[in-house]
Amino acid sequence: MMCGLSSKTFTISLDFSTLCRFQDIVPRYILSGAQVKKGENMKANDFISILNDLGDDFYTGVPDSLLAPFIDAVVDKYGISDRHIVAANEGAAVGLAAGHYLATGKPGVVYMQNSGIGNAVNPICSLLHEKVYSIPVVFVIGWRGEPGVKDEPQHVFQGEVTLELLDCLEIPYVVVSKETDDLTDTVKEFRQYLNDGKPVAFVIQKGALSNDNKPDYSTDAEISREEALEKIFDMDDSAGESKNVYVCTTGKLSREVFEIRERQGSGHSFDFLTVGSMGHSLMIAQGIALAKPEMHVFCLDGDGAALMHLGSLAVAGVQGSKNLTHIVFNNGAHETVGGLPTVCDTLELAEVALSLGYAKTYQVDTINDLSSVLEGVKDKEGPVFIEIVCNLYSRADLGRPTTTPVQNKNDLMDYLQRK
């Protein structure tokens, strides 16, 4: 399918087969009636007013740093409440919006990073689509990895196929840029689609929205994630020939692991930095642990990531390996993408893990307790679960890995093949 939109000129490029397939919804490629003011962008609160005019003031989703101005404005207006729910994953957010529509007859708003489209495909196709229940939803999607905009490796391909995915899912969309000032005519078109039971999407470019009010996200936890990571690696002999492997979740945790290894001078062949695929680090670690039973495999996870695919904890607990230790850094927030709270600040994750079959579970909130637990689990059969209650602190000068994901993969595979 060769169907595309130039985000700078809003021109249309359609081949004949695509035109035949989508001739009934071609208007989605046009930013209809947009009034342009050079050098300005849309205020997030004005955008929220547009969304409320389209549907209902019900918001749910998974946060994204590109959408931070918008999400902060939603929090400022609705807080975390029955009008705004931070979902475990994007598919669950679609389910919440669908339930809201069934109860009220009004479309809800679902926000996500474009990487979350993958999690939402199933309910979009088997719940929302007009061939099934015909349920309208308003999507707000942050366009990471937009072609021509520098971004991290995990976003590049996702950015390239974002509009094509929406095409395939038959979701009418409009791209909102820094110059977008008036969406009046687009709203008229979208309202008709929604009335016909179809979802619509606003695809948000980097810098398209602005917001002057930043909510204060904080905790009173004592230790930072990086401090805890340093203790974990200090107790390992990875500078020599370690038998430990570390699978690290996406976001700032993997960036901190990379910088700690740089400071240690221990190299990076012991670590797999899961730069994307949020919520899947545990199963990657499980796969390595099953194939390398003589090695101790650690999954260094986040509370938001663990929550996103919580079912994996049940699989790891019941069918997990004796050589697997799952460490979750629980700061009760999606800290990497802005600090929006998760529900994990009210949960005892160690107790959840115990109920899901982990052999040993621990919760720690001090470095001394962490040291004692790490020393104690060295000879214990797993799977072991450690919940580290930590704060939201991360360094302003935190860098990014200077090696590519493929280099990371090759270094780890070379190391594993020697074991």
Protein backbone atom coordinates (compact mmCIF):
# COMPACT_ATOMS: atom_id res chain seq x y z
CA MET A 1 0.00 0.00 0.00
CA MET A 2 1.44 3.34 -1.03
CA CYS A 3 -0.62 5.88 0.78
CA GLY A 4 1.03 8.77 2.53
CA LEU A 5 0.84 12.24 3.95
CA SER A 6 3.57 14.83 3.91
CA SER A 7 3.48 16.29 7.41
CA LYS A 8 4.96 19.57 6.15
CA THR A 9 2.78 20.25 3.12
CA PHE A 10 -0.28 18.05 3.79
CA THR A 11 -0.29 16.74 0.24
CA ILE A 12 -1.81 13.43 -0.80
CA SER A 13 -0.04 10.60 -2.60
CA LEU A 14 -2.30 7.68 -3.51
CA ASP A 15 -1.88 4.82 -5.94
CA PHE A 16 -4.95 3.47 -7.74
CA SER A 17 -5.51 0.39 -5.56
CA THR A 18 -5.31 2.44 -2.38
CA LEU A 19 -7.66 5.06 -3.77
CA CYS A 20 -10.19 2.35 -4.61
CA ARG A 21 -9.88 0.85 -1.14
CA PHE A 22 -10.08 4.09 0.81
CA GLN A 23 -12.11 6.32 -1.46
CA ASP A 24 -14.82 6.67 1.20
CA ILE A 25 -12.44 8.08 3.83
CA VAL A 26 -9.89 10.08 1.86
CA PRO A 27 -10.60 13.30 3.84
CA ARG A 28 -8.49 12.03 6.72
CA TYR A 29 -5.36 13.02 4.79
CA ILE A 30 -6.27 16.70 4.78
CA LEU A 31 -5.91 19.14 7.65
CA SER A 32 -9.17 20.77 6.68
CA GLY A 33 -9.59 24.47 7.22
CA ALA A 34 -6.50 24.85 9.40
CA GLN A 35 -5.48 28.44 9.97
CA VAL A 36 -1.71 28.85 10.23
CA LYS A 37 0.19 31.26 12.43
CA LYS A 38 3.93 30.98 11.94
CA GLY A 39 5.99 30.43 15.05
CA GLU A 40 3.06 29.53 17.32
CA ASN A 41 1.65 26.26 18.53
CA MET A 42 -1.64 25.19 20.01
CA LYS A 43 -2.23 25.38 23.75
CA ALA A 44 -2.96 21.99 25.29
CA ASN A 45 -6.03 23.32 27.08
CA ASP A 46 -7.45 24.57 23.77
CA PHE A 47 -6.87 21.12 22.32
CA ILE A 48 -8.68 19.54 25.29
CA SER A 49 -11.65 21.83 24.58
CA ILE A 50 -11.70 20.55 21.00
CA LEU A 51 -11.64 16.93 22.22
CA ASN A 52 -14.43 17.57 24.72
CA ASP A 53 -16.48 19.12 21.95
CA LEU A 54 -16.00 15.97 19.88
CA GLY A 55 -16.92 13.48 22.55
CA ASP A 56 -16.98 13.45 26.33
CA ASP A 57 -14.55 14.55 29.01
CA PHE A 58 -13.36 11.00 29.67
CA TYR A 59 -9.63 10.39 29.21
CA THR A 60 -7.52 7.27 29.49
CA GLY A 61 -4.20 6.08 28.09
CA VAL A 62 -0.53 5.41 28.62
CA PRO A 63 1.79 8.43 28.90
CA ASP A 64 4.29 9.57 26.30
CA SER A 65 6.96 12.25 26.69
CA LEU A 66 6.02 13.87 23.37
CA LEU A 67 2.45 14.23 24.65
CA ALA A 68 3.58 15.54 28.05
CA PRO A 69 2.10 19.07 27.57
CA PHE A 70 -1.26 17.54 26.71
CA ILE A 71 -1.21 14.91 29.48
CA ASP A 72 -0.07 17.45 32.09
CA ALA A 73 -3.02 19.64 31.08
CA VAL A 74 -5.38 16.67 31.45
CA VAL A 75 -3.97 15.99 34.93
CA ASP A 76 -4.26 19.66 35.83
CA LYS A 77 -7.91 19.64 34.78
CA TYR A 78 -9.09 16.20 35.90
CA GLY A 79 -6.35 14.77 38.12
CA ILE A 80 -6.37 10.98 38.40
CA SER A 81 -10.07 10.35 38.77
CA ASP A 82 -13.12 8.74 37.23
CA ARG A 83 -12.66 11.24 34.37
CA HIS A 84 -9.01 10.36 33.80
CA ILE A 85 -7.56 6.88 34.26
CA VAL A 86 -3.95 5.93 33.55
CA ALA A 87 -4.35 2.50 31.94
CA ALA A 88 -2.05 -0.49 32.35
CA ASN A 89 -1.58 -0.67 28.58
CA GLU A 90 -3.03 0.85 25.43
CA GLY A 91 -5.35 -2.07 24.67
CA ALA A 92 -6.84 -1.75 28.14
CA ALA A 93 -7.35 1.97 27.51
CA VAL A 94 -9.34 1.12 24.38
CA GLY A 95 -11.47 -1.22 26.50
CA LEU A 96 -12.10 1.53 29.06
CA ALA A 97 -13.17 3.96 26.36
CA ALA A 98 -15.43 1.33 24.81
CA GLY A 99 -17.10 0.69 28.15
CA HIS A 100 -17.58 4.42 28.64
CA TYR A 101 -19.28 4.66 25.26
CA LEU A 102 -21.56 1.70 25.99
CA ALA A 103 -22.69 3.37 29.22
CA THR A 104 -22.98 6.96 27.99
CA GLY A 105 -23.23 6.88 24.21
CA LYS A 106 -20.30 9.33 24.09
CA PRO A 107 -16.80 8.66 22.69
CA GLY A 108 -13.90 8.70 25.13
CA VAL A 109 -10.37 9.92 24.46
CA VAL A 110 -7.46 7.45 24.39
CA TYR A 111 -3.91 8.83 24.37
CA MET A 112 -0.73 6.91 23.63
CA GLN A 113 2.71 6.97 22.05
CA ASN A 114 2.62 5.56 18.53
CA SER A 115 4.46 2.47 19.80
CA GLY A 116 1.29 1.69 21.74
CA ILE A 117 -0.72 1.17 18.56
CA GLY A 118 0.58 -2.40 18.58
CA ASN A 119 -0.98 -3.07 21.99
CA ALA A 120 -4.25 -1.57 20.77
CA VAL A 121 -4.57 -3.39 17.43
CA ASN A 122 -6.58 -6.30 18.80
CA PRO A 123 -9.40 -4.27 20.41
CA ILE A 124 -9.36 -1.78 17.53
CA CYS A 125 -9.96 -4.61 15.04
CA SER A 126 -12.16 -6.95 17.12
CA LEU A 127 -14.05 -4.46 19.30
CA LEU A 128 -14.20 -0.98 17.76
CA HIS A 129 -14.38 -1.74 14.04
CA GLU A 130 -17.68 -1.18 12.24
CA LYS A 131 -17.76 -4.86 11.20
CA VAL A 132 -17.90 -5.80 14.89
CA TYR A 133 -19.46 -3.37 17.44
CA SER A 134 -18.86 -0.05 15.64
CA ILE A 135 -17.67 1.88 18.69
CA PRO A 136 -16.23 5.39 18.22
CA VAL A 137 -13.10 6.50 20.10
CA VAL A 138 -10.96 9.62 19.78
CA PHE A 139 -7.26 8.71 19.69
CA VAL A 140 -4.46 11.16 20.52
CA ILE A 141 -1.17 9.66 19.33
CA GLY A 142 2.32 11.03 19.89
CA TRP A 143 4.39 10.64 16.71
CA ARG A 144 7.79 9.45 17.90
CA GLY A 145 10.27 8.62 15.16
CA GLU A 146 8.58 10.83 12.60
CA PRO A 147 10.57 10.66 9.36
CA GLY A 148 13.03 13.53 9.18
CA VAL A 149 12.95 14.12 12.95
CA LYS A 150 15.92 12.76 14.93
CA ASP A 151 14.87 10.18 17.51
CA GLU A 152 16.08 7.05 19.28
CA PRO A 153 16.52 3.74 17.38
CA GLN A 154 13.47 2.06 18.88
CA HIS A 155 11.23 4.77 17.45
CA VAL A 156 12.58 4.96 13.89
CA PHE A 157 10.67 2.12 12.21
CA GLN A 158 7.58 2.72 14.32
CA GLY A 159 7.60 6.33 13.17
CA GLU A 160 7.95 5.34 9.54
CA VAL A 161 4.88 3.08 9.59
CA THR A 162 2.60 5.04 11.96
CA LEU A 163 0.37 6.58 9.30
CA GLU A 164 0.34 3.34 7.32
CA LEU A 165 -0.84 1.47 10.42
CA LEU A 166 -3.70 3.90 10.82
CA ASP A 167 -4.50 3.41 7.14
CA CYS A 168 -4.58 -0.37 7.59
CA LEU A 169 -6.79 -0.03 10.65
CA GLU A 170 -9.11 2.28 8.66
CA ILE A 171 -8.88 5.05 11.24
CA PRO A 172 -9.34 8.57 9.85
CA TYR A 173 -6.55 10.80 11.14
CA VAL A 174 -5.14 14.29 11.00
CA VAL A 175 -1.56 15.36 11.75
CA VAL A 176 -1.29 18.24 14.20
CA SER A 177 1.89 20.27 13.72
CA LYS A 178 3.48 23.30 15.38
CA GLU A 179 1.66 25.52 12.88
CA THR A 180 -1.80 24.04 13.46
CA ASP A 181 -4.02 26.69 15.01
CA ASP A 182 -7.58 25.92 13.98
CA LEU A 183 -9.17 22.47 13.61
CA THR A 184 -12.75 23.64 13.13
CA ASP A 185 -13.42 21.94 9.80
CA THR A 186 -11.54 18.81 10.87
CA VAL A 187 -13.78 18.56 13.93
CA LYS A 188 -16.84 18.68 11.68
CA GLU A 189 -15.49 15.81 9.59
CA PHE A 190 -14.45 13.81 12.63
CA ARG A 191 -17.81 14.28 14.29
CA GLN A 192 -19.48 12.62 11.32
CA TYR A 193 -17.11 9.65 11.52
CA LEU A 194 -17.79 9.33 15.25
CA ASN A 195 -21.54 9.52 14.68
CA ASP A 196 -21.12 6.67 12.19
CA GLY A 197 -19.40 4.56 14.86
CA LYS A 198 -15.82 4.98 13.62
CA PRO A 199 -12.74 5.92 15.64
CA VAL A 200 -10.65 8.94 14.63
CA ALA A 201 -7.10 9.98 15.50
CA PHE A 202 -5.09 13.12 16.06
CA VAL A 203 -1.42 12.37 15.34
CA ILE A 204 0.67 14.87 17.29
CA GLN A 205 4.03 16.02 15.99
CA LYS A 206 6.86 16.93 18.34
CA GLY A 207 6.32 20.43 19.77
CA ALA A 208 2.81 20.78 18.39
CA LEU A 209 1.22 21.44 21.78
CA SER A 210 2.29 23.63 24.67
CA ASN A 211 1.34 23.92 28.32
CA ASP A 212 2.60 26.30 31.00
CA ASN A 213 1.48 24.26 34.03
CA LYS A 214 3.54 21.23 35.08
CA PRO A 215 2.01 19.08 37.85
CA ASP A 216 4.34 18.12 40.68
CA TYR A 217 4.96 14.39 40.63
CA SER A 218 6.97 13.22 43.65
CA THR A 219 7.33 10.56 46.33
CA ASP A 220 8.95 10.46 49.74
CA ALA A 221 10.95 7.30 49.04
CA GLU A 222 14.53 7.35 50.32
CA ILE A 223 16.61 5.83 47.55
CA SER A 224 16.97 6.55 43.85
CA ARG A 225 16.92 3.98 41.08
CA GLU A 226 20.48 4.72 40.02
CA GLU A 227 21.72 4.38 43.60
CA ALA A 228 20.07 0.96 43.85
CA LEU A 229 21.49 -0.11 40.47
CA GLU A 230 24.99 0.80 41.59
CA LYS A 231 24.57 -1.39 44.68
CA ILE A 232 23.37 -4.31 42.55
CA PHE A 233 26.39 -4.08 40.28
CA ASP A 234 28.81 -3.45 43.16
CA MET A 235 27.83 -6.84 44.56
CA ASP A 236 28.44 -8.52 41.21
CA ASP A 237 31.82 -9.56 39.86
CA SER A 238 30.98 -8.50 36.31
CA ALA A 239 34.36 -6.82 35.92
CA GLY A 240 35.72 -10.38 35.81
CA GLU A 241 33.97 -13.37 34.26
CA SER A 242 30.54 -13.10 35.80
CA LYS A 243 27.89 -15.78 35.52
CA ASN A 244 25.22 -13.09 35.77
CA VAL A 245 23.18 -11.60 32.93
CA TYR A 246 20.98 -8.50 33.22
CA VAL A 247 17.96 -7.79 31.05
CA CYS A 248 16.99 -4.16 31.58
CA THR A 249 13.65 -2.52 30.90
CA THR A 250 13.11 0.40 28.55
CA GLY A 251 13.57 4.03 29.54
CA LYS A 252 15.97 5.71 31.93
CA LEU A 253 16.82 2.49 33.76
CA SER A 254 18.69 1.11 30.75
CA ARG A 255 20.42 4.46 30.27
CA GLU A 256 21.56 4.41 33.89
CA VAL A 257 22.81 0.84 33.54
CA PHE A 258 24.86 1.85 30.50
CA GLU A 259 26.48 4.78 32.32
CA ILE A 260 27.22 2.69 35.43
CA ARG A 261 29.00 0.13 33.27
CA GLU A 262 30.95 2.93 31.63
CA ARG A 263 32.07 4.21 35.03
CA GLN A 264 32.98 0.70 36.15
CA GLY A 265 34.87 -0.02 32.96
CA SER A 266 33.29 -3.47 32.94
CA GLY A 267 31.94 -3.40 29.40
CA HIS A 268 28.39 -4.01 28.26
CA SER A 269 28.38 -7.67 27.24
CA PHE A 270 26.53 -8.77 30.40
CA ASP A 271 23.50 -6.57 29.75
CA PHE A 272 20.59 -6.51 27.34
CA LEU A 273 19.14 -3.01 27.16
CA THR A 274 15.53 -3.38 26.08
CA VAL A 275 15.26 0.07 24.54
CA GLY A 276 11.69 -0.54 23.32
CA SER A 277 9.13 -3.32 23.84
CA MET A 278 7.85 -1.96 27.14
CA GLY A 279 6.71 -4.72 29.47
CA HIS A 280 8.51 -7.58 27.73
CA SER A 281 11.89 -7.60 29.50
CA LEU A 282 10.75 -10.28 31.93
CA MET A 283 9.97 -12.76 29.19
CA ILE A 284 13.26 -11.98 27.44
CA ALA A 285 15.03 -12.76 30.72
CA GLN A 286 12.96 -15.91 31.16
CA GLY A 287 13.93 -17.09 27.68
CA ILE A 288 17.63 -16.61 28.46
CA ALA A 289 17.28 -18.28 31.87
CA LEU A 290 15.69 -21.38 30.38
CA ALA A 291 18.41 -21.70 27.75
CA LYS A 292 21.28 -20.98 30.21
CA PRO A 293 20.37 -22.74 33.49
CA GLU A 294 23.93 -22.43 34.78
CA MET A 295 23.77 -18.64 34.73
CA HIS A 296 21.98 -16.26 37.11
CA VAL A 297 19.64 -14.10 35.03
CA PHE A 298 18.32 -10.81 36.42
CA CYS A 299 15.43 -8.84 35.01
CA LEU A 300 15.73 -5.17 36.02
CA ASP A 301 12.19 -3.90 35.56
CA GLY A 302 10.00 -0.87 36.26
CA ASP A 303 6.60 -0.78 37.90
CA GLY A 304 4.88 0.67 34.83
CA ALA A 305 6.50 -1.93 32.57
CA ALA A 306 5.64 -4.80 34.92
CA LEU A 307 2.06 -3.57 35.15
CA MET A 308 1.73 -3.30 31.37
CA HIS A 309 1.91 -7.08 30.90
CA LEU A 310 1.28 -8.34 34.42
CA GLY A 311 0.38 -11.79 33.12
CA SER A 312 4.06 -12.40 32.45
CA LEU A 313 4.66 -12.39 36.22
CA ALA A 314 2.25 -15.31 36.55
CA VAL A 315 4.09 -17.24 33.84
CA ALA A 316 7.47 -16.46 35.44
CA GLY A 317 6.17 -17.36 38.88
CA VAL A 318 4.55 -20.67 38.00
CA GLN A 319 6.82 -21.83 35.17
CA GLY A 320 9.84 -19.66 35.89
CA SER A 321 13.42 -20.74 36.20
CA LYS A 322 15.29 -21.36 39.43
CA ASN A 323 18.05 -19.11 38.10
CA LEU A 324 15.79 -16.07 37.54
CA THR A 325 15.68 -12.99 39.78
CA HIS A 326 13.12 -10.33 38.91
CA ILE A 327 13.84 -6.90 40.41
CA VAL A 328 11.15 -4.22 40.03
CA PHE A 329 12.04 -0.60 40.76
CA ASN A 330 8.75 0.77 42.04
CA ASN A 331 8.59 4.56 42.04
CA GLY A 332 4.84 4.52 41.44
CA ALA A 333 5.19 6.44 38.20
CA HIS A 334 5.96 6.44 34.50
CA GLU A 335 9.01 8.53 35.40
CA THR A 336 10.84 8.26 32.07
CA VAL A 337 7.99 9.87 30.14
CA GLY A 338 7.03 12.61 32.56
CA GLY A 339 6.18 11.13 35.96
CA LEU A 340 2.48 10.34 35.56
CA PRO A 341 1.48 8.00 38.43
CA THR A 342 0.84 4.29 38.02
CA VAL A 343 -1.39 2.37 40.42
CA CYS A 344 1.69 0.64 41.83
CA ASP A 345 2.22 3.26 44.52
CA THR A 346 -0.78 1.68 46.28
CA LEU A 347 0.19 -1.95 45.63
CA GLU A 348 2.50 -4.35 47.44
CA LEU A 349 4.12 -5.83 44.35
CA ALA A 350 6.10 -8.35 46.40
CA GLU A 351 2.83 -9.75 47.74
CA VAL A 352 1.40 -9.84 44.22
CA ALA A 353 4.46 -11.78 43.02
CA LEU A 354 4.16 -14.24 45.92
CA SER A 355 0.54 -14.92 45.01
CA LEU A 356 1.63 -15.51 41.41
CA GLY A 357 4.02 -18.29 42.35
CA TYR A 358 7.47 -16.73 42.88
CA ALA A 359 9.51 -18.88 45.26
CA LYS A 360 10.82 -15.96 47.32
CA THR A 361 9.69 -12.33 47.37
CA TYR A 362 11.09 -9.28 49.13
CA GLN A 363 10.32 -5.58 49.45
CA VAL A 364 13.09 -3.12 50.34
CA ASP A 365 13.22 0.64 50.73
CA THR A 366 16.79 1.25 51.96
CA ILE A 367 20.21 0.49 50.53
CA ASN A 368 21.14 -1.55 53.61
CA ASP A 369 18.07 -3.75 53.22
CA LEU A 370 18.82 -4.16 49.52
CA SER A 371 22.37 -5.26 50.31
CA SER A 372 21.12 -7.85 52.78
CA VAL A 373 18.53 -9.24 50.38
CA LEU A 374 20.98 -9.43 47.45
CA GLU A 375 23.47 -11.28 49.62
CA GLY A 376 20.78 -13.65 50.80
CA VAL A 377 19.37 -14.60 47.38
CA LYS A 378 22.69 -15.63 45.85
CA ASP A 379 22.18 -19.27 46.79
CA LYS A 380 18.37 -19.39 46.85
CA GLU A 381 16.38 -21.18 44.20
CA GLY A 382 14.10 -18.94 42.24
CA PRO A 383 12.26 -17.45 40.71
CA VAL A 384 13.00 -14.64 43.17
CA PHE A 385 11.20 -11.30 43.19
CA ILE A 386 12.59 -8.11 44.74
CA GLU A 387 10.57 -4.90 44.89
CA ILE A 388 12.71 -1.79 45.44
CA VAL A 389 10.63 1.19 46.56
CA CYS A 390 12.43 4.21 45.11
CA ASN A 391 11.90 7.88 44.35
CA LEU A 392 11.50 9.66 41.01
CA TYR A 393 14.96 11.18 40.90
CA SER A 394 17.04 10.90 37.76
CA ARG A 395 20.03 13.00 36.71
CA ALA A 396 19.40 15.90 34.37
CA ASP A 397 22.65 15.03 32.55
CA LEU A 398 21.79 11.36 32.08
CA GLY A 399 23.13 10.26 28.71
CA ARG A 400 22.07 7.62 26.24
CA PRO A 401 23.86 4.45 25.10
CA THR A 402 26.62 5.18 22.62
CA THR A 403 26.39 1.70 21.11
CA THR A 404 23.64 0.59 18.75
CA PRO A 405 20.99 -1.98 19.69
CA VAL A 406 22.54 -4.43 17.21
CA GLN A 407 25.95 -4.00 18.85
CA ASN A 408 24.34 -4.61 22.23
CA LYS A 409 22.69 -7.78 20.93
CA ASN A 410 25.88 -9.10 19.34
CA ASP A 411 28.01 -8.43 22.44
CA LEU A 412 25.54 -10.24 24.68
CA MET A 413 25.20 -13.19 22.31
CA ASP A 414 28.97 -13.55 22.06
CA TYR A 415 29.17 -13.56 25.86
CA LEU A 416 26.37 -16.12 26.23
CA GLN A 417 27.90 -18.41 23.64
CA ARG A 418 31.12 -18.51 25.65
CA LYS A 419 29.22 -19.78 28.69
